[in-house]
Amino acid sequence: MLSNPETILISAEDQKRILSENYAETICIVEECLKKKEAGNVFLPDKISAVFDEATQSRINCMPGALLDDRLYGVKWV
């Protein structure tokens, strides 16, 4: 168990800023994560969706994931 877990919330605006300011570093991080996934060191279950309106497809999605060796866990809410 982690003794002092930290939660960081990143908005869509934050994501755009981070990508624009650190594009090359972001690509390197994504490549490293894909290598970890290929090696089996990533836990990436299917997303969970709750559809509130079939006609408009209004929904909320929860997409959890983990970099197991790094003990880094996250969730994307849409």
C-alpha atoms as a PDB file:
ATOM      1  CA  MET A   1       0.000   0.000   0.000  1.00  0.00           C
ATOM      2  CA  LEU A   2       1.226   3.478  -0.779  1.00  0.00           C
ATOM      3  CA  SER A   3       1.984   5.528   2.300  1.00  0.00           C
ATOM      4  CA  ASN A   4       1.284   8.890   0.684  1.00  0.00           C
ATOM      5  CA  PRO A   5      -0.643   8.603  -2.581  1.00  0.00           C
ATOM      6  CA  GLU A   6      -1.115  11.775  -4.590  1.00  0.00           C
ATOM      7  CA  THR A   7      -4.011  12.705  -6.835  1.00  0.00           C
ATOM      8  CA  ILE A   8      -3.488  15.054  -9.750  1.00  0.00           C
ATOM      9  CA  LEU A   9      -6.396  16.339 -11.824  1.00  0.00           C
ATOM     10  CA  ILE A  10      -5.544  17.329 -15.407  1.00  0.00           C
ATOM     11  CA  SER A  11      -8.115  19.214 -17.473  1.00  0.00           C
ATOM     12  CA  ALA A  12      -8.410  19.159 -21.264  1.00  0.00           C
ATOM     13  CA  GLU A  13      -6.829  22.631 -21.275  1.00  0.00           C
ATOM     14  CA  ASP A  14      -3.927  21.315 -19.166  1.00  0.00           C
ATOM     15  CA  GLN A  15      -3.444  18.440 -21.606  1.00  0.00           C
ATOM     16  CA  LYS A  16      -3.263  20.795 -24.593  1.00  0.00           C
ATOM     17  CA  ARG A  17      -0.770  23.053 -22.817  1.00  0.00           C
ATOM     18  CA  ILE A  18       1.422  20.156 -21.686  1.00  0.00           C
ATOM     19  CA  LEU A  19       1.482  18.682 -25.185  1.00  0.00           C
ATOM     20  CA  SER A  20       2.246  22.012 -26.874  1.00  0.00           C
ATOM     21  CA  GLU A  21       5.048  22.846 -24.423  1.00  0.00           C
ATOM     22  CA  ASN A  22       6.553  19.346 -24.251  1.00  0.00           C
ATOM     23  CA  TYR A  23       5.684  17.637 -27.531  1.00  0.00           C
ATOM     24  CA  ALA A  24       8.922  15.618 -27.984  1.00  0.00           C
ATOM     25  CA  GLU A  25       8.967  14.517 -24.331  1.00  0.00           C
ATOM     26  CA  THR A  26       5.291  13.526 -24.514  1.00  0.00           C
ATOM     27  CA  ILE A  27       5.942  11.356 -27.581  1.00  0.00           C
ATOM     28  CA  CYS A  28       8.867   9.669 -25.785  1.00  0.00           C
ATOM     29  CA  ILE A  29       6.658   8.934 -22.767  1.00  0.00           C
ATOM     30  CA  VAL A  30       3.919   7.456 -24.968  1.00  0.00           C
ATOM     31  CA  GLU A  31       6.477   5.281 -26.789  1.00  0.00           C
ATOM     32  CA  GLU A  32       7.866   4.038 -23.452  1.00  0.00           C
ATOM     33  CA  CYS A  33       4.352   3.209 -22.227  1.00  0.00           C
ATOM     34  CA  LEU A  34       3.620   1.247 -25.415  1.00  0.00           C
ATOM     35  CA  LYS A  35       6.836  -0.752 -24.871  1.00  0.00           C
ATOM     36  CA  LYS A  36       5.746  -1.473 -21.290  1.00  0.00           C
ATOM     37  CA  LYS A  37       2.327  -2.597 -22.549  1.00  0.00           C
ATOM     38  CA  GLU A  38       3.950  -4.929 -25.077  1.00  0.00           C
ATOM     39  CA  ALA A  39       6.104  -6.390 -22.276  1.00  0.00           C
ATOM     40  CA  GLY A  40       2.997  -7.038 -20.156  1.00  0.00           C
ATOM     41  CA  ASN A  41       3.753  -4.395 -17.522  1.00  0.00           C
ATOM     42  CA  VAL A  42       0.566  -2.402 -18.085  1.00  0.00           C
ATOM     43  CA  PHE A  43      -2.880  -3.131 -16.692  1.00  0.00           C
ATOM     44  CA  LEU A  44      -5.447  -1.666 -19.086  1.00  0.00           C
ATOM     45  CA  PRO A  45      -8.949  -3.077 -18.586  1.00  0.00           C
ATOM     46  CA  ASP A  46     -11.898  -2.256 -20.806  1.00  0.00           C
ATOM     47  CA  LYS A  47     -13.553   1.092 -20.202  1.00  0.00           C
ATOM     48  CA  ILE A  48     -16.809   1.254 -18.310  1.00  0.00           C
ATOM     49  CA  SER A  49     -19.629   3.268 -19.888  1.00  0.00           C
ATOM     50  CA  ALA A  50     -22.922   4.491 -18.532  1.00  0.00           C
ATOM     51  CA  VAL A  51     -25.203   5.705 -21.341  1.00  0.00           C
ATOM     52  CA  PHE A  52     -27.811   8.168 -20.086  1.00  0.00           C
ATOM     53  CA  ASP A  53     -29.611   8.843 -23.370  1.00  0.00           C
ATOM     54  CA  GLU A  54     -29.576   6.327 -26.222  1.00  0.00           C
ATOM     55  CA  ALA A  55     -30.755   8.896 -28.767  1.00  0.00           C
ATOM     56  CA  THR A  56     -27.940  11.390 -28.118  1.00  0.00           C
ATOM     57  CA  GLN A  57     -25.441   8.853 -26.764  1.00  0.00           C
ATOM     58  CA  SER A  58     -24.915  11.065 -23.688  1.00  0.00           C
ATOM     59  CA  ARG A  59     -22.653   9.054 -21.428  1.00  0.00           C
ATOM     60  CA  ILE A  60     -19.855   8.980 -18.932  1.00  0.00           C
ATOM     61  CA  ASN A  61     -16.827   6.729 -19.471  1.00  0.00           C
ATOM     62  CA  CYS A  62     -14.320   5.517 -16.910  1.00  0.00           C
ATOM     63  CA  MET A  63     -11.004   4.287 -18.334  1.00  0.00           C
ATOM     64  CA  PRO A  64      -8.601   2.980 -15.648  1.00  0.00           C
ATOM     65  CA  GLY A  65      -5.027   1.930 -16.227  1.00  0.00           C
ATOM     66  CA  ALA A  66      -1.748   1.217 -14.453  1.00  0.00           C
ATOM     67  CA  LEU A  67       1.971   1.099 -15.145  1.00  0.00           C
ATOM     68  CA  LEU A  68       2.555  -1.833 -12.828  1.00  0.00           C
ATOM     69  CA  ASP A  69       6.339  -1.683 -12.365  1.00  0.00           C
ATOM     70  CA  ASP A  70       6.164   2.073 -11.762  1.00  0.00           C
ATOM     71  CA  ARG A  71       3.276   1.766  -9.301  1.00  0.00           C
ATOM     72  CA  LEU A  72       1.519   4.513 -11.250  1.00  0.00           C
ATOM     73  CA  TYR A  73      -2.243   4.295 -11.509  1.00  0.00           C
ATOM     74  CA  GLY A  74      -4.718   6.547 -13.249  1.00  0.00           C
ATOM     75  CA  VAL A  75      -8.205   6.932 -14.541  1.00  0.00           C
ATOM     76  CA  LYS A  76      -9.613   9.002 -17.377  1.00  0.00           C
ATOM     77  CA  TRP A  77     -13.170  10.247 -16.989  1.00  0.00           C
ATOM     78  CA  VAL A  78     -15.042  11.348 -20.093  1.00  0.00           C
END
